[in-house]
N, C-alpha and C. Protein backbone atom coordinates (compact mmCIF):
# COMPACT_ATOMS: atom_id res chain seq x y z
N MET A 1 -28.63 -129.02 -134.31
CA MET A 1 -29.40 -128.71 -133.27
C MET A 1 -28.69 -127.64 -132.59
N ARG A 2 -27.61 -127.17 -132.38
CA ARG A 2 -26.85 -126.19 -131.85
C ARG A 2 -27.28 -125.09 -132.16
N PHE A 3 -26.97 -125.38 -133.45
CA PHE A 3 -27.68 -124.30 -134.83
C PHE A 3 -29.01 -124.00 -134.56
N CYS A 4 -30.10 -124.63 -134.51
CA CYS A 4 -31.29 -124.65 -134.55
C CYS A 4 -31.21 -123.75 -132.92
N PHE A 5 -30.89 -124.02 -131.59
CA PHE A 5 -30.77 -123.42 -130.71
C PHE A 5 -30.42 -122.09 -130.73
N PHE A 6 -29.37 -121.70 -131.32
CA PHE A 6 -29.21 -120.30 -131.79
C PHE A 6 -29.76 -119.52 -132.33
N CYS A 7 -30.34 -120.09 -133.52
CA CYS A 7 -31.24 -119.21 -134.58
C CYS A 7 -32.43 -118.86 -133.12
N LEU A 8 -33.28 -120.03 -132.64
CA LEU A 8 -34.45 -119.57 -131.57
C LEU A 8 -33.54 -118.41 -130.91
N PHE A 9 -32.88 -118.44 -130.38
CA PHE A 9 -32.05 -117.54 -129.20
C PHE A 9 -31.95 -116.24 -129.99
N LEU A 10 -32.04 -116.11 -130.77
CA LEU A 10 -31.47 -114.89 -131.63
C LEU A 10 -32.85 -114.51 -131.78
N LEU A 11 -33.41 -115.02 -132.88
CA LEU A 11 -35.22 -114.59 -132.38
C LEU A 11 -36.11 -114.19 -131.54
N PHE A 12 -35.46 -115.10 -130.52
CA PHE A 12 -36.17 -113.87 -128.90
C PHE A 12 -35.34 -113.10 -128.55
N LEU A 13 -34.21 -112.50 -129.28
CA LEU A 13 -33.56 -111.88 -129.01
C LEU A 13 -34.24 -110.25 -129.23
N THR A 14 -34.40 -110.87 -131.11
CA THR A 14 -34.82 -109.68 -131.56
C THR A 14 -36.59 -109.33 -131.36
N VAL A 15 -36.81 -110.62 -130.81
CA VAL A 15 -38.97 -110.54 -130.73
C VAL A 15 -38.36 -109.09 -129.20
N VAL A 16 -37.95 -109.93 -128.28
CA VAL A 16 -37.98 -108.91 -126.72
C VAL A 16 -37.37 -107.72 -127.01
N ASN A 17 -36.04 -107.45 -128.01
CA ASN A 17 -35.73 -106.10 -127.80
C ASN A 17 -36.25 -105.34 -128.76
N ALA A 18 -37.45 -105.52 -129.33
CA ALA A 18 -37.94 -104.82 -130.27
C ALA A 18 -38.56 -103.57 -129.46
N GLN A 19 -38.91 -103.71 -128.52
CA GLN A 19 -39.91 -103.03 -127.85
C GLN A 19 -39.05 -103.33 -125.90
N GLU A 20 -37.85 -103.25 -126.57
CA GLU A 20 -36.64 -102.08 -125.48
C GLU A 20 -36.72 -101.17 -124.43
N ASN A 21 -37.11 -100.28 -125.20
CA ASN A 21 -36.88 -98.98 -124.70
C ASN A 21 -38.72 -98.38 -123.80
N TYR A 22 -39.54 -99.20 -124.35
CA TYR A 22 -41.07 -99.24 -123.66
C TYR A 22 -40.74 -98.95 -121.95
N PRO A 23 -41.43 -98.45 -121.03
CA PRO A 23 -41.52 -98.49 -119.56
C PRO A 23 -42.45 -99.45 -119.39
N ILE A 24 -41.89 -99.86 -118.12
CA ILE A 24 -42.81 -100.74 -117.31
C ILE A 24 -43.60 -100.44 -116.13
N PRO A 25 -44.74 -99.86 -115.85
CA PRO A 25 -45.12 -99.50 -115.01
C PRO A 25 -44.47 -100.84 -113.70
N ALA A 26 -45.04 -99.71 -112.56
CA ALA A 26 -44.39 -100.16 -111.46
C ALA A 26 -45.36 -101.41 -110.74
N PRO A 27 -44.87 -102.56 -110.48
CA PRO A 27 -45.63 -103.85 -110.56
C PRO A 27 -46.30 -103.37 -109.14
N THR A 28 -47.69 -104.32 -109.35
CA THR A 28 -48.45 -104.36 -108.16
C THR A 28 -48.41 -105.56 -107.65
N GLU A 29 -49.28 -105.41 -106.43
CA GLU A 29 -49.91 -107.10 -105.40
C GLU A 29 -50.54 -107.83 -106.76
N ASN A 30 -51.65 -107.47 -107.67
CA ASN A 30 -52.70 -108.07 -107.52
C ASN A 30 -52.15 -107.84 -109.61
N ARG A 31 -50.89 -107.59 -110.02
CA ARG A 31 -50.73 -107.48 -111.61
C ARG A 31 -51.08 -108.95 -112.27
N LEU A 32 -52.05 -108.77 -113.45
CA LEU A 32 -52.24 -109.83 -114.00
C LEU A 32 -51.06 -109.70 -115.44
N PHE A 33 -51.37 -108.63 -116.05
CA PHE A 33 -50.75 -108.37 -117.07
C PHE A 33 -50.62 -107.46 -117.61
N ILE A 34 -49.90 -107.24 -118.43
CA ILE A 34 -50.30 -105.23 -119.01
C ILE A 34 -50.11 -105.27 -121.13
N ILE A 35 -50.61 -104.72 -121.29
CA ILE A 35 -50.89 -104.50 -123.32
C ILE A 35 -50.15 -103.17 -123.46
N GLN A 36 -49.46 -103.09 -124.15
CA GLN A 36 -48.14 -101.77 -124.93
C GLN A 36 -48.37 -102.23 -126.58
N HIS A 37 -48.67 -101.08 -127.23
CA HIS A 37 -48.79 -100.78 -128.46
C HIS A 37 -47.64 -99.90 -129.36
N SER A 38 -47.55 -100.20 -130.69
CA SER A 38 -47.05 -99.73 -131.43
C SER A 38 -46.53 -97.99 -131.77
N LYS A 39 -48.07 -97.72 -131.16
CA LYS A 39 -47.94 -96.25 -131.35
C LYS A 39 -47.40 -95.29 -130.67
N ASN A 40 -47.51 -95.75 -129.28
CA ASN A 40 -46.67 -94.71 -128.81
C ASN A 40 -46.61 -96.00 -126.99
N HIS A 41 -45.80 -95.48 -125.97
CA HIS A 41 -45.83 -95.99 -125.43
C HIS A 41 -46.99 -96.12 -123.93
N ASN A 42 -48.03 -95.21 -123.67
CA ASN A 42 -48.55 -95.58 -122.63
C ASN A 42 -49.35 -97.23 -123.25
N THR A 43 -49.73 -97.36 -121.46
CA THR A 43 -49.32 -98.49 -121.40
C THR A 43 -50.71 -98.86 -120.21
N TYR A 44 -51.85 -100.37 -120.68
CA TYR A 44 -52.64 -100.64 -120.33
C TYR A 44 -52.16 -101.88 -119.09
N VAL A 45 -53.02 -101.06 -117.99
CA VAL A 45 -52.52 -102.37 -116.68
C VAL A 45 -53.99 -103.05 -116.39
N TYR A 46 -53.86 -104.66 -116.39
CA TYR A 46 -54.87 -105.14 -115.73
C TYR A 46 -54.51 -106.20 -114.38
N ASP A 47 -54.78 -106.17 -113.51
CA ASP A 47 -54.77 -106.32 -111.78
C ASP A 47 -56.07 -107.32 -111.99
N ALA A 48 -55.87 -108.31 -111.37
CA ALA A 48 -57.16 -109.11 -110.81
C ALA A 48 -57.55 -108.15 -109.25
N ASN A 49 -59.43 -107.50 -109.51
CA ASN A 49 -59.64 -106.87 -108.71
C ASN A 49 -60.01 -107.51 -107.03
N PHE A 50 -59.67 -107.48 -105.92
CA PHE A 50 -59.36 -108.12 -104.87
C PHE A 50 -60.37 -107.45 -104.14
N THR A 51 -61.37 -107.49 -102.85
CA THR A 51 -61.93 -107.00 -101.75
C THR A 51 -61.11 -106.74 -101.38
N PRO A 52 -61.11 -105.23 -100.47
CA PRO A 52 -59.94 -105.26 -98.92
C PRO A 52 -60.09 -106.76 -97.87
N ASP A 53 -61.13 -108.04 -98.65
CA ASP A 53 -60.91 -108.91 -97.76
C ASP A 53 -60.34 -110.02 -98.88
N LYS A 54 -59.77 -109.61 -99.55
CA LYS A 54 -58.68 -110.87 -100.10
C LYS A 54 -59.81 -111.57 -100.77
N VAL A 55 -60.79 -111.10 -101.42
CA VAL A 55 -62.11 -111.60 -101.83
C VAL A 55 -61.89 -111.77 -103.54
N LEU A 56 -61.86 -111.96 -104.63
CA LEU A 56 -61.89 -111.43 -106.04
C LEU A 56 -63.67 -111.19 -106.05
N ASN A 57 -63.77 -109.80 -106.73
CA ASN A 57 -65.18 -109.19 -106.91
C ASN A 57 -65.27 -109.75 -108.32
N GLU A 58 -66.53 -110.01 -108.01
CA GLU A 58 -67.30 -111.34 -109.25
C GLU A 58 -67.65 -110.33 -109.75
N ARG A 59 -68.64 -109.19 -109.87
CA ARG A 59 -68.67 -108.45 -111.09
C ARG A 59 -67.66 -107.78 -111.61
N GLU A 60 -67.12 -107.61 -110.77
CA GLU A 60 -65.75 -106.65 -111.70
C GLU A 60 -64.47 -107.31 -111.49
N PRO A 61 -63.93 -108.47 -111.63
CA PRO A 61 -63.25 -109.40 -111.39
C PRO A 61 -61.99 -108.70 -111.73
N VAL A 62 -61.65 -107.93 -112.79
CA VAL A 62 -60.21 -107.38 -114.13
C VAL A 62 -60.50 -105.85 -113.26
N ALA A 63 -59.14 -104.80 -112.38
CA ALA A 63 -59.65 -103.04 -112.47
C ALA A 63 -58.37 -103.37 -114.44
N ILE A 64 -59.04 -102.82 -114.52
CA ILE A 64 -57.89 -101.67 -116.19
C ILE A 64 -57.86 -100.69 -115.85
N TYR A 65 -56.97 -100.22 -115.85
CA TYR A 65 -56.14 -98.68 -115.85
C TYR A 65 -55.31 -98.37 -117.10
N ARG A 66 -54.99 -97.05 -116.80
CA ARG A 66 -54.23 -96.69 -118.17
C ARG A 66 -52.93 -95.47 -117.78
N VAL A 67 -51.32 -96.20 -117.58
CA VAL A 67 -50.34 -95.74 -117.38
C VAL A 67 -49.90 -94.77 -118.86
N VAL A 68 -50.67 -93.43 -118.59
CA VAL A 68 -50.38 -92.77 -119.71
C VAL A 68 -48.65 -91.58 -119.44
N TYR A 69 -48.07 -92.13 -120.15
CA TYR A 69 -46.25 -91.63 -120.82
C TYR A 69 -46.32 -90.56 -121.40
N THR A 70 -46.92 -90.37 -122.08
CA THR A 70 -47.01 -89.72 -123.51
C THR A 70 -47.59 -88.11 -121.98
N ASP A 71 -47.98 -88.62 -121.27
CA ASP A 71 -48.30 -86.72 -120.34
C ASP A 71 -47.89 -87.59 -118.98
N GLY A 72 -46.60 -88.32 -118.98
CA GLY A 72 -45.61 -88.12 -117.64
C GLY A 72 -45.78 -89.01 -116.62
N GLY A 73 -46.53 -89.74 -117.31
CA GLY A 73 -46.85 -91.46 -116.75
C GLY A 73 -47.92 -91.31 -115.27
N VAL A 74 -48.79 -90.28 -115.54
CA VAL A 74 -50.42 -90.29 -114.86
C VAL A 74 -50.67 -91.91 -115.43
N ILE A 75 -51.67 -91.87 -113.97
CA ILE A 75 -52.29 -93.36 -113.84
C ILE A 75 -54.15 -92.76 -114.12
N LYS A 76 -54.18 -93.26 -115.03
CA LYS A 76 -56.22 -92.93 -115.40
C LYS A 76 -57.11 -93.32 -115.79
N PRO A 77 -58.09 -93.51 -116.10
CA PRO A 77 -59.22 -94.49 -116.20
C PRO A 77 -59.15 -94.76 -117.32
N LEU A 78 -59.60 -96.26 -118.00
CA LEU A 78 -60.23 -95.96 -119.67
C LEU A 78 -61.28 -95.20 -119.99
N THR A 79 -60.87 -94.45 -121.25
CA THR A 79 -62.13 -93.81 -121.98
C THR A 79 -62.94 -94.37 -122.09
N THR A 80 -64.52 -94.33 -121.99
CA THR A 80 -65.58 -95.57 -122.37
C THR A 80 -65.35 -95.88 -124.07
N ILE A 81 -64.88 -95.11 -124.55
CA ILE A 81 -64.65 -95.66 -125.92
C ILE A 81 -63.54 -96.86 -126.02
N GLN A 82 -61.77 -96.74 -125.36
CA GLN A 82 -61.19 -97.85 -124.73
C GLN A 82 -62.19 -98.66 -124.36
N ARG A 83 -63.01 -98.95 -123.59
CA ARG A 83 -63.59 -99.73 -122.64
C ARG A 83 -64.21 -100.55 -123.39
N LYS A 84 -65.54 -99.74 -124.27
CA LYS A 84 -65.99 -100.67 -125.06
C LYS A 84 -65.64 -101.14 -126.33
N LEU A 85 -64.31 -100.81 -126.70
CA LEU A 85 -64.20 -101.30 -128.07
C LEU A 85 -62.80 -102.06 -128.16
N ALA A 86 -61.50 -101.11 -127.12
CA ALA A 86 -60.32 -101.26 -127.53
C ALA A 86 -60.18 -102.66 -125.74
N TYR A 87 -59.73 -102.07 -125.09
CA TYR A 87 -58.69 -102.48 -124.16
C TYR A 87 -60.22 -102.58 -122.87
N GLY A 88 -61.27 -103.09 -123.13
CA GLY A 88 -62.28 -103.82 -121.61
C GLY A 88 -61.89 -105.00 -121.43
N ILE A 89 -63.00 -106.16 -121.33
CA ILE A 89 -62.64 -106.55 -121.19
C ILE A 89 -64.39 -107.63 -120.55
N GLN A 90 -64.25 -108.28 -120.70
CA GLN A 90 -65.95 -109.03 -120.65
C GLN A 90 -65.60 -110.69 -120.26
N ALA A 91 -65.64 -110.39 -118.82
CA ALA A 91 -65.56 -111.61 -117.75
C ALA A 91 -67.01 -112.50 -117.44
N ARG A 92 -66.60 -114.22 -117.09
CA ARG A 92 -67.86 -114.85 -117.44
C ARG A 92 -66.85 -115.81 -116.26
N LYS A 93 -67.72 -115.94 -114.96
CA LYS A 93 -67.17 -117.31 -114.03
C LYS A 93 -67.18 -118.44 -114.34
N VAL A 94 -66.40 -119.14 -114.71
CA VAL A 94 -66.44 -120.36 -114.73
C VAL A 94 -66.78 -121.87 -113.18
N SER A 95 -65.58 -121.20 -112.36
CA SER A 95 -65.82 -121.90 -110.93
C SER A 95 -65.12 -120.79 -110.17
N GLU A 96 -65.36 -121.64 -109.10
CA GLU A 96 -64.59 -120.35 -107.37
C GLU A 96 -63.91 -119.74 -107.74
N SER A 97 -62.57 -120.47 -108.84
CA SER A 97 -61.45 -119.78 -109.07
C SER A 97 -60.89 -119.87 -110.06
N MET A 98 -61.76 -119.29 -111.44
CA MET A 98 -61.58 -119.28 -112.50
C MET A 98 -62.49 -118.57 -112.92
N PHE A 99 -62.53 -117.36 -114.56
CA PHE A 99 -63.03 -117.03 -115.26
C PHE A 99 -62.03 -116.37 -116.38
N LYS A 100 -63.62 -116.61 -117.32
CA LYS A 100 -63.16 -117.00 -118.80
C LYS A 100 -63.47 -115.58 -118.89
N LEU A 101 -62.09 -114.79 -119.70
CA LEU A 101 -61.79 -114.04 -120.08
C LEU A 101 -61.45 -113.16 -121.49
N LYS A 102 -62.41 -112.34 -122.42
CA LYS A 102 -62.19 -112.02 -123.46
C LYS A 102 -61.62 -111.11 -123.47
N LEU A 103 -60.33 -110.63 -124.24
CA LEU A 103 -60.53 -108.98 -124.96
C LEU A 103 -62.00 -108.28 -125.63
N VAL A 104 -61.90 -107.11 -125.67
CA VAL A 104 -63.29 -106.69 -126.49
C VAL A 104 -63.21 -106.58 -127.92
N SER A 105 -61.54 -106.33 -128.41
CA SER A 105 -60.81 -105.65 -129.54
C SER A 105 -60.65 -106.99 -130.19
N TYR A 106 -60.23 -108.18 -129.55
CA TYR A 106 -60.11 -108.95 -130.10
C TYR A 106 -60.28 -110.50 -129.04
N SER A 107 -61.69 -111.35 -129.55
CA SER A 107 -62.08 -112.08 -129.07
C SER A 107 -61.73 -113.48 -129.31
N GLY A 108 -60.87 -113.87 -130.46
CA GLY A 108 -59.84 -114.99 -130.57
C GLY A 108 -59.60 -115.34 -129.60
N LEU A 109 -59.02 -114.69 -128.84
CA LEU A 109 -58.12 -115.16 -127.68
C LEU A 109 -58.43 -115.22 -126.25
N ASP A 110 -58.78 -116.97 -125.89
CA ASP A 110 -59.42 -117.00 -124.82
C ASP A 110 -58.33 -116.83 -123.56
N LEU A 111 -58.67 -116.36 -123.09
CA LEU A 111 -57.85 -115.98 -121.70
C LEU A 111 -58.23 -116.33 -120.43
N TRP A 112 -57.87 -117.41 -119.42
CA TRP A 112 -58.24 -117.79 -117.95
C TRP A 112 -57.98 -117.48 -116.69
N MET A 113 -58.80 -116.42 -115.84
CA MET A 113 -57.86 -115.99 -115.54
C MET A 113 -58.45 -117.38 -113.77
N LYS A 114 -57.15 -117.64 -113.29
CA LYS A 114 -57.71 -118.05 -112.34
C LYS A 114 -56.14 -118.13 -110.90
N ILE A 115 -56.90 -118.36 -109.96
CA ILE A 115 -56.30 -118.09 -108.41
C ILE A 115 -55.63 -119.31 -108.46
N GLY A 116 -54.28 -119.23 -107.91
CA GLY A 116 -53.24 -120.04 -107.43
C GLY A 116 -53.84 -120.50 -105.48
N GLN A 117 -52.99 -121.60 -105.46
CA GLN A 117 -53.02 -121.88 -104.13
C GLN A 117 -52.53 -120.94 -103.09
N ASP A 118 -51.54 -119.95 -104.04
CA ASP A 118 -50.73 -118.71 -102.60
C ASP A 118 -52.28 -117.51 -103.27
N GLY A 119 -52.96 -118.05 -103.63
CA GLY A 119 -54.50 -116.66 -103.43
C GLY A 119 -54.55 -115.77 -104.15
N LYS A 120 -53.17 -116.03 -105.41
CA LYS A 120 -52.69 -114.61 -106.29
C LYS A 120 -53.31 -115.52 -107.44
N ALA A 121 -53.69 -114.26 -108.23
CA ALA A 121 -54.38 -114.35 -109.51
C ALA A 121 -53.44 -114.31 -110.74
N PHE A 122 -53.50 -114.99 -111.96
CA PHE A 122 -52.87 -114.84 -112.70
C PHE A 122 -53.61 -115.86 -114.44
N VAL A 123 -52.74 -114.79 -115.34
CA VAL A 123 -54.03 -115.22 -116.26
C VAL A 123 -52.75 -116.34 -117.49
N GLU A 124 -53.66 -117.16 -117.92
CA GLU A 124 -53.04 -118.06 -118.79
C GLU A 124 -53.99 -118.29 -119.97
N THR A 125 -53.06 -118.60 -121.16
CA THR A 125 -53.82 -118.76 -122.11
C THR A 125 -53.12 -120.28 -122.99
N TYR A 126 -53.76 -120.91 -124.17
CA TYR A 126 -53.10 -121.67 -124.73
C TYR A 126 -53.28 -121.88 -126.16
N ILE A 127 -52.04 -121.41 -126.68
CA ILE A 127 -52.06 -120.81 -128.10
C ILE A 127 -50.85 -121.64 -128.47
N GLN A 128 -50.56 -122.08 -130.32
CA GLN A 128 -49.47 -123.06 -130.97
C GLN A 128 -48.99 -124.13 -130.11
N ASN A 129 -49.84 -124.42 -128.88
CA ASN A 129 -49.92 -125.77 -128.63
C ASN A 129 -48.97 -125.49 -127.69
N GLN A 130 -49.14 -124.39 -126.74
CA GLN A 130 -48.73 -124.66 -125.20
C GLN A 130 -49.35 -122.88 -124.98
N THR A 131 -49.37 -123.84 -123.45
CA THR A 131 -49.79 -122.64 -122.43
C THR A 131 -48.74 -121.76 -122.15
N ILE A 132 -49.41 -120.74 -121.71
CA ILE A 132 -48.47 -119.57 -121.67
C ILE A 132 -48.86 -118.63 -120.27
N ILE A 133 -48.71 -118.56 -119.24
CA ILE A 133 -48.82 -117.52 -117.99
C ILE A 133 -48.67 -116.46 -118.77
N LEU A 134 -49.58 -115.45 -118.85
CA LEU A 134 -49.62 -114.36 -119.79
C LEU A 134 -48.84 -113.70 -118.77
N THR A 135 -48.06 -112.22 -119.10
CA THR A 135 -47.41 -111.21 -118.48
C THR A 135 -47.69 -109.88 -119.27
N ARG A 136 -47.61 -109.72 -120.39
CA ARG A 136 -47.76 -108.97 -121.35
C ARG A 136 -48.16 -109.24 -123.04
N LEU A 137 -48.58 -108.33 -123.28
CA LEU A 137 -49.54 -108.25 -124.78
C LEU A 137 -48.62 -106.89 -125.52
N PHE A 138 -48.12 -107.10 -126.82
CA PHE A 138 -47.25 -105.97 -126.94
C PHE A 138 -48.04 -105.82 -129.07
N LEU A 139 -48.61 -105.22 -129.07
CA LEU A 139 -49.77 -105.19 -130.10
C LEU A 139 -48.88 -104.05 -130.99
N LYS A 140 -48.65 -104.90 -132.19
CA LYS A 140 -48.17 -103.76 -133.30
C LYS A 140 -48.56 -103.29 -134.39
N MET A 141 -49.18 -101.63 -134.83
CA MET A 141 -50.27 -101.75 -135.34
C MET A 141 -49.63 -101.54 -136.90
N LYS A 142 -50.48 -101.37 -137.96
CA LYS A 142 -50.06 -101.59 -139.08
C LYS A 142 -49.77 -99.93 -139.55
N GLU A 143 -49.07 -99.56 -140.57
CA GLU A 143 -48.40 -98.43 -140.06
C GLU A 143 -49.36 -97.48 -141.13
N GLY A 144 -49.48 -96.44 -140.82
CA GLY A 144 -49.93 -95.36 -141.94
C GLY A 144 -51.52 -95.40 -141.74
N ARG A 145 -52.27 -95.80 -140.37
CA ARG A 145 -53.37 -96.00 -140.54
C ARG A 145 -53.38 -95.02 -139.34
N SER A 146 -54.97 -94.51 -139.39
CA SER A 146 -55.33 -93.39 -138.23
C SER A 146 -55.27 -94.22 -137.20
N ASP A 147 -55.80 -93.19 -136.11
CA ASP A 147 -56.24 -93.85 -134.94
C ASP A 147 -57.48 -94.23 -134.96
N LEU A 148 -58.51 -93.70 -135.64
CA LEU A 148 -59.72 -93.90 -135.71
C LEU A 148 -59.62 -95.28 -136.21
N ASN A 149 -58.59 -95.65 -137.65
CA ASN A 149 -59.20 -96.73 -137.59
C ASN A 149 -57.98 -97.82 -137.67
N PRO A 150 -57.50 -98.31 -136.56
CA PRO A 150 -56.48 -99.13 -136.63
C PRO A 150 -56.55 -100.15 -136.91
N LYS A 151 -55.19 -100.96 -137.36
CA LYS A 151 -55.20 -102.58 -138.00
C LYS A 151 -54.43 -103.23 -137.35
N LEU A 152 -54.40 -104.81 -136.72
CA LEU A 152 -53.25 -104.81 -135.76
C LEU A 152 -52.11 -105.47 -136.97
N GLU A 153 -51.26 -105.13 -136.91
CA GLU A 153 -49.98 -106.31 -138.08
C GLU A 153 -49.89 -107.90 -137.22
N HIS A 154 -49.84 -107.37 -135.65
CA HIS A 154 -49.66 -108.92 -134.82
C HIS A 154 -49.39 -108.41 -133.82
N VAL A 155 -49.33 -109.51 -132.98
CA VAL A 155 -49.37 -109.52 -131.29
C VAL A 155 -48.70 -110.60 -131.16
N ILE A 156 -47.72 -110.00 -130.13
CA ILE A 156 -46.79 -110.24 -129.42
C ILE A 156 -47.31 -111.50 -127.83
N LEU A 157 -47.14 -112.37 -127.61
CA LEU A 157 -47.95 -112.25 -126.20
C LEU A 157 -46.10 -112.94 -125.54
N PHE A 158 -45.98 -112.54 -124.16
CA PHE A 158 -45.07 -112.63 -123.29
C PHE A 158 -45.46 -113.75 -122.03
N GLY A 159 -44.44 -114.06 -121.40
CA GLY A 159 -44.72 -114.74 -120.27
C GLY A 159 -43.99 -116.00 -119.75
N PHE A 160 -44.96 -117.39 -119.25
CA PHE A 160 -44.14 -118.07 -119.04
C PHE A 160 -44.77 -118.89 -119.39
N ASP A 161 -43.26 -120.18 -120.01
CA ASP A 161 -44.47 -121.83 -120.11
C ASP A 161 -44.91 -122.45 -119.00
N SER A 162 -45.43 -123.94 -118.95
CA SER A 162 -45.48 -124.38 -117.99
C SER A 162 -44.61 -124.70 -116.99
N ALA A 163 -43.59 -124.94 -117.50
CA ALA A 163 -41.92 -125.01 -116.38
C ALA A 163 -41.51 -124.18 -115.91
N GLY A 164 -42.32 -123.01 -116.03
CA GLY A 164 -41.46 -121.86 -116.10
C GLY A 164 -40.30 -120.79 -116.43
N ASN A 165 -40.80 -121.59 -117.55
CA ASN A 165 -39.52 -120.49 -118.31
C ASN A 165 -40.01 -119.33 -119.25
N ARG A 166 -39.55 -118.63 -119.14
CA ARG A 166 -39.92 -117.56 -120.33
C ARG A 166 -40.21 -117.54 -122.02
N THR A 167 -41.50 -117.37 -122.32
CA THR A 167 -41.24 -117.51 -123.56
C THR A 167 -42.41 -116.49 -124.14
N SER A 168 -42.25 -116.44 -125.51
CA SER A 168 -43.14 -115.68 -126.07
C SER A 168 -43.65 -115.71 -128.28
N VAL A 169 -45.04 -115.39 -127.47
CA VAL A 169 -45.44 -116.32 -129.29
C VAL A 169 -45.74 -115.11 -130.37
N LYS A 170 -45.58 -115.11 -131.14
CA LYS A 170 -46.62 -114.37 -132.22
C LYS A 170 -47.45 -114.26 -132.83
N ILE A 171 -48.56 -113.94 -132.93
CA ILE A 171 -49.70 -114.04 -133.52
C ILE A 171 -49.84 -113.44 -134.50
N ILE A 172 -50.57 -113.62 -135.83
CA ILE A 172 -51.09 -112.83 -136.45
C ILE A 172 -53.06 -112.14 -136.58
N PRO A 173 -53.31 -111.55 -135.83
CA PRO A 173 -54.90 -111.97 -136.51
C PRO A 173 -55.62 -111.80 -137.67
N ASP A 174 -56.51 -112.57 -137.66
CA ASP A 174 -57.45 -112.71 -138.34
C ASP A 174 -58.28 -111.24 -139.35
C-alpha cells in the first residue's frame, strides 16, 4: 500500500513539474481559473464578472482575457477567433447562484460556476468519479501541428477535491 502511495506521489510530481517554468498571472479577487498550453507561456484568464455592486453580471458572467508573456506579459482581450473558436465560454444561468459553462473548443467538459456562501465565485467539474474545484487547465498540444490546425494530445485539470486537497486529472479528448 505504501508503494502505491509513493507511485501516485511520483506521478503527481511529474504532472505538476511538467509545467513548472510557466508563469502564473497575479491573482485577482474574482479569479476562477486559468488555461495554459504547451505552445508558449501565454495564459488565458477567467474571472467572475461582478458589477461594482458585487452582483454577478448575468449577461456575461465570466470575464476572459489573456496575459501575453511572449510580448512582455501585457494583458490583452481575446481576439475574435480566440473567443469564438478556442478560449471563449458559453454560459447559461441555471439558478440564482449557478451557471453552466462550456468552453467553445471543448464542449465535452461540463463546468459549473457557483457562488459560495462567502459571495465568491468558483468553478467545479465532475470528472473521473470526482468533483474538482478548478484552478487551472493545461493543454498539451500535439507536436508538429500548425497553429491553424492544432490538436490536443491531453488536458490536465488542476484544482482541489471536495475535501480541500490538491488534485489533478489527465483527460484525453475524443
